[in-house]
Amino acid sequence: MPRTSGTQLERFLATSSDDGYDGLRLVRLPFVPELLMHLADDAIVLQARLEIQAGTTFYPFWTNAWAGGQALARYVLDHPDLVTGRRVLDVACGCGVAGIAAAKAGAASVTSNDIDPFACAAAGMNADVNGVGLRLVEGDLLDGDGGDAEVVLVGDVFYDRDLAARMAGFLRRAMARGAAVLVGDPGRGHVPEHWLQLLRSYRITGLGAAEDSGITEVSVLGSVR
């Protein structure tokens, strides 16, 4: 099964500690306690270290389990029939929480995709600690239609107008060829209205990244019931 190497990322883990070092720690997610994730002790400090290592500026979204991704993972685990025995694609996977939930729920296969190679490595490491396998694909898939995926998962990516437009086009093409779509969104304002059905809303407190501490509701939307 293809894997993006986690060697560079594992170097950071090797220099971390459980008592607040500026690396990663293993966390049981409060909203999805079935899953363990390697998340940042301090995302800002870790971002600075990674930028020095990579020689470029970027935001490591995979260092947090964002509210939309956790809600989507929760919904998938509570409704395993949506993914059981099916080919699943988790787009912009970040830490991999939604795809790992799908694998736990019995998906035939799960492809986790991100443009950030560190995200692919993190998703692979998180899959390992949860005892599941992912097919990891690095790169931009948004000009396509999701290939042969029967279910497409998107957790918390509608935070930017331009990205949202590209993601909506991608998801519409996937739906047009018959794929089911599930989206986790905490109301960031860029999900097209009257497009997907509201499947479930969750009341939350302090879920996900520190900057999202004010979010009190997160929704799962989709093309299926």
Protein backbone atom coordinates (compact mmCIF):
# COMPACT_ATOMS: atom_id res chain seq x y z
CA MET A 1 0.00 0.00 0.00
CA PRO A 2 1.62 3.33 -1.04
CA ARG A 3 2.89 5.41 1.85
CA THR A 4 4.45 8.86 2.06
CA SER A 5 7.52 8.46 4.22
CA GLY A 6 7.05 9.67 7.78
CA THR A 7 10.79 9.71 8.47
CA GLN A 8 11.14 13.50 8.71
CA LEU A 9 8.07 13.84 10.86
CA GLU A 10 9.15 10.98 13.10
CA ARG A 11 12.35 12.93 13.85
CA PHE A 12 10.17 15.57 15.46
CA LEU A 13 8.36 12.93 17.47
CA ALA A 14 11.67 11.58 18.64
CA THR A 15 12.55 14.98 20.12
CA SER A 16 9.14 15.46 21.74
CA SER A 17 8.13 14.59 25.28
CA ASP A 18 4.87 14.12 27.11
CA ASP A 19 5.43 17.14 29.33
CA GLY A 20 5.20 20.02 26.89
CA TYR A 21 8.14 19.80 24.48
CA ASP A 22 7.62 21.65 21.20
CA GLY A 23 6.73 18.57 19.16
CA LEU A 24 3.85 16.12 19.00
CA ARG A 25 1.98 14.18 21.66
CA LEU A 26 -0.44 11.31 21.47
CA VAL A 27 -3.99 12.48 22.26
CA ARG A 28 -7.29 10.67 22.63
CA LEU A 29 -9.82 12.95 20.95
CA PRO A 30 -12.57 14.09 23.34
CA PHE A 31 -15.27 14.04 20.64
CA VAL A 32 -14.03 10.81 19.06
CA PRO A 33 -12.51 8.88 21.99
CA GLU A 34 -12.20 5.76 19.84
CA LEU A 35 -9.26 7.44 18.06
CA LEU A 36 -5.74 8.44 19.05
CA MET A 37 -3.94 11.24 17.20
CA HIS A 38 -0.44 12.71 17.20
CA LEU A 39 -1.15 16.43 17.64
CA ALA A 40 0.97 19.47 18.43
CA ASP A 41 1.87 20.48 21.96
CA ASP A 42 2.25 24.00 20.59
CA ALA A 43 1.19 24.42 16.95
CA ILE A 44 2.90 27.81 16.56
CA VAL A 45 6.27 26.57 17.80
CA LEU A 46 6.03 23.40 15.74
CA GLN A 47 5.12 25.44 12.65
CA ALA A 48 8.27 27.53 13.09
CA ARG A 49 10.42 24.42 13.40
CA LEU A 50 8.88 22.82 10.33
CA GLU A 51 9.31 25.99 8.27
CA ILE A 52 12.99 26.06 9.17
CA GLN A 53 13.29 22.40 8.22
CA ALA A 54 11.41 22.84 4.92
CA GLY A 55 12.88 26.25 4.02
CA THR A 56 9.47 27.68 3.17
CA THR A 57 6.41 29.18 4.84
CA PHE A 58 3.27 27.11 5.29
CA TYR A 59 0.55 26.31 7.85
CA PRO A 60 0.65 22.72 9.18
CA PHE A 61 -3.10 22.06 9.38
CA TRP A 62 -2.39 18.44 10.33
CA THR A 63 -1.12 19.48 13.78
CA ASN A 64 -4.74 19.96 14.94
CA ALA A 65 -7.85 17.79 14.76
CA TRP A 66 -10.21 20.48 13.48
CA ALA A 67 -13.83 20.66 14.57
CA GLY A 68 -15.25 19.74 11.16
CA GLY A 69 -12.98 16.73 10.84
CA GLN A 70 -13.84 15.45 14.32
CA ALA A 71 -17.57 15.86 13.67
CA LEU A 72 -17.25 13.99 10.39
CA ALA A 73 -15.31 11.20 12.09
CA ARG A 74 -17.96 10.99 14.81
CA TYR A 75 -20.74 10.75 12.22
CA VAL A 76 -18.97 8.05 10.21
CA LEU A 77 -18.32 5.93 13.30
CA ASP A 78 -21.95 6.30 14.35
CA HIS A 79 -23.21 5.42 10.83
CA PRO A 80 -20.79 2.74 9.60
CA ASP A 81 -23.23 1.61 6.92
CA LEU A 82 -22.25 4.71 4.92
CA VAL A 83 -18.72 3.41 4.35
CA THR A 84 -18.68 -0.32 5.15
CA GLY A 85 -17.36 -2.28 2.19
CA ARG A 86 -16.88 0.86 0.11
CA ARG A 87 -13.92 2.68 -1.39
CA VAL A 88 -13.44 5.95 0.51
CA LEU A 89 -11.46 9.07 -0.37
CA ASP A 90 -10.57 11.61 2.35
CA VAL A 91 -9.61 14.85 0.59
CA ALA A 92 -7.43 17.47 2.33
CA CYS A 93 -7.05 14.87 5.06
CA GLY A 94 -4.87 16.84 7.47
CA CYS A 95 -4.15 14.59 10.45
CA GLY A 96 -6.26 11.87 8.83
CA VAL A 97 -9.06 11.72 11.42
CA ALA A 98 -11.98 11.25 9.00
CA GLY A 99 -10.27 8.61 6.87
CA ILE A 100 -9.12 6.70 9.95
CA ALA A 101 -12.69 6.72 11.24
CA ALA A 102 -13.86 5.31 7.90
CA ALA A 103 -11.26 2.55 8.08
CA LYS A 104 -12.35 1.75 11.64
CA ALA A 105 -15.97 1.65 10.42
CA GLY A 106 -15.20 -1.05 7.87
CA ALA A 107 -14.42 0.71 4.59
CA ALA A 108 -13.05 -1.61 1.92
CA SER A 109 -10.21 0.85 1.33
CA VAL A 110 -9.39 4.41 2.35
CA THR A 111 -7.29 6.84 0.34
CA SER A 112 -6.16 9.88 2.33
CA ASN A 113 -5.00 12.83 0.26
CA ASP A 114 -3.33 16.15 1.02
CA ILE A 115 -1.11 18.63 -0.79
CA ASP A 116 1.20 18.74 2.26
CA PRO A 117 3.61 15.80 2.43
CA PHE A 118 3.87 16.26 6.21
CA ALA A 119 0.08 15.80 6.43
CA CYS A 120 0.32 12.55 4.50
CA ALA A 121 3.08 11.39 6.83
CA ALA A 122 1.04 12.41 9.90
CA ALA A 123 -2.05 10.61 8.58
CA GLY A 124 0.02 7.48 8.08
CA MET A 125 1.47 7.66 11.58
CA ASN A 126 -1.99 8.21 13.05
CA ALA A 127 -3.37 5.30 11.06
CA ASP A 128 -0.62 3.07 12.44
CA VAL A 129 -1.36 3.96 16.06
CA ASN A 130 -5.06 3.23 15.44
CA GLY A 131 -4.34 -0.12 13.83
CA VAL A 132 -5.70 0.65 10.35
CA GLY A 133 -4.20 1.06 6.89
CA LEU A 134 -4.49 4.04 4.56
CA ARG A 135 -3.43 4.56 0.98
CA LEU A 136 -1.69 7.95 1.11
CA VAL A 137 -1.66 10.21 -1.94
CA GLU A 138 0.14 13.54 -1.98
CA GLY A 139 -0.97 16.22 -4.44
CA ASP A 140 -3.86 18.36 -5.66
CA LEU A 141 -6.83 16.25 -6.75
CA LEU A 142 -9.38 19.05 -7.06
CA ASP A 143 -9.38 19.23 -10.84
CA GLY A 144 -10.66 15.65 -11.02
CA ASP A 145 -13.73 13.79 -9.79
CA GLY A 146 -12.36 11.47 -7.13
CA GLY A 147 -11.65 8.53 -9.42
CA ASP A 148 -13.29 5.31 -8.29
CA ALA A 149 -14.09 6.45 -4.75
CA GLU A 150 -17.63 5.53 -3.73
CA VAL A 151 -17.62 7.89 -0.73
CA VAL A 152 -15.76 11.22 -0.53
CA LEU A 153 -15.04 12.74 2.89
CA VAL A 154 -14.19 16.41 3.39
CA GLY A 155 -13.51 17.66 6.89
CA ASP A 156 -13.35 21.40 7.57
CA VAL A 157 -11.97 22.81 4.31
CA PHE A 158 -14.58 25.45 3.48
CA TYR A 159 -12.65 28.21 5.26
CA ASP A 160 -11.45 30.12 2.19
CA ARG A 161 -13.54 31.41 -0.73
CA ASP A 162 -11.22 30.29 -3.53
CA LEU A 163 -10.54 26.88 -2.02
CA ALA A 164 -14.25 26.43 -1.34
CA ALA A 165 -15.08 27.12 -4.99
CA ARG A 166 -12.57 24.54 -6.20
CA MET A 167 -13.69 21.99 -3.59
CA ALA A 168 -17.35 22.49 -4.51
CA GLY A 169 -16.56 21.87 -8.17
CA PHE A 170 -14.64 18.72 -7.28
CA LEU A 171 -17.45 17.40 -5.09
CA ARG A 172 -20.12 18.15 -7.70
CA ARG A 173 -18.16 16.13 -10.26
CA ALA A 174 -17.79 13.27 -7.77
CA MET A 175 -21.53 13.34 -7.08
CA ALA A 176 -22.33 13.46 -10.79
CA ARG A 177 -20.57 10.12 -11.32
CA GLY A 178 -22.46 8.61 -8.36
CA ALA A 179 -20.19 9.07 -5.34
CA ALA A 180 -21.67 9.92 -1.95
CA VAL A 181 -20.26 13.06 -0.32
CA LEU A 182 -19.94 13.84 3.39
CA VAL A 183 -18.71 17.23 4.65
CA GLY A 184 -17.90 18.35 8.19
CA ASP A 185 -18.22 22.12 8.64
CA PRO A 186 -18.31 24.39 11.71
CA GLY A 187 -19.92 27.27 9.85
CA ARG A 188 -16.94 29.03 8.32
CA GLY A 189 -19.22 30.64 5.74
CA HIS A 190 -18.19 29.12 2.42
CA VAL A 191 -20.30 25.98 1.98
CA PRO A 192 -22.71 26.69 -0.92
CA GLU A 193 -26.29 27.07 0.35
CA HIS A 194 -29.00 24.54 -0.54
CA TRP A 195 -26.44 22.18 -2.02
CA LEU A 196 -25.99 19.37 0.49
CA GLN A 197 -28.46 17.98 3.02
CA LEU A 198 -27.94 18.67 6.70
CA LEU A 199 -27.40 15.24 8.23
CA ARG A 200 -26.48 16.13 11.82
CA SER A 201 -25.58 19.14 13.97
CA TYR A 202 -23.51 18.81 17.13
CA ARG A 203 -23.31 21.29 20.00
CA ILE A 204 -19.67 21.61 21.00
CA THR A 205 -17.42 23.47 23.43
CA GLY A 206 -13.71 24.00 22.88
CA LEU A 207 -13.41 21.41 20.12
CA GLY A 208 -10.43 21.41 17.79
CA ALA A 209 -7.83 24.16 17.45
CA ALA A 210 -7.38 26.88 20.08
CA GLU A 211 -8.43 29.57 17.60
CA ASP A 212 -11.80 27.82 17.25
CA SER A 213 -12.63 28.03 20.95
CA GLY A 214 -15.66 30.23 20.19
CA ILE A 215 -17.32 27.70 17.88
CA THR A 216 -20.40 26.17 19.51
CA GLU A 217 -21.92 24.15 16.66
CA VAL A 218 -20.57 21.95 13.90
CA SER A 219 -22.55 20.23 11.17
CA VAL A 220 -22.23 17.22 8.93
CA LEU A 221 -23.73 17.67 5.49
CA GLY A 222 -23.99 15.21 2.67
CA SER A 223 -25.57 13.81 -0.45
CA VAL A 224 -26.89 10.80 1.52
CA ARG A 225 -29.20 10.23 4.50
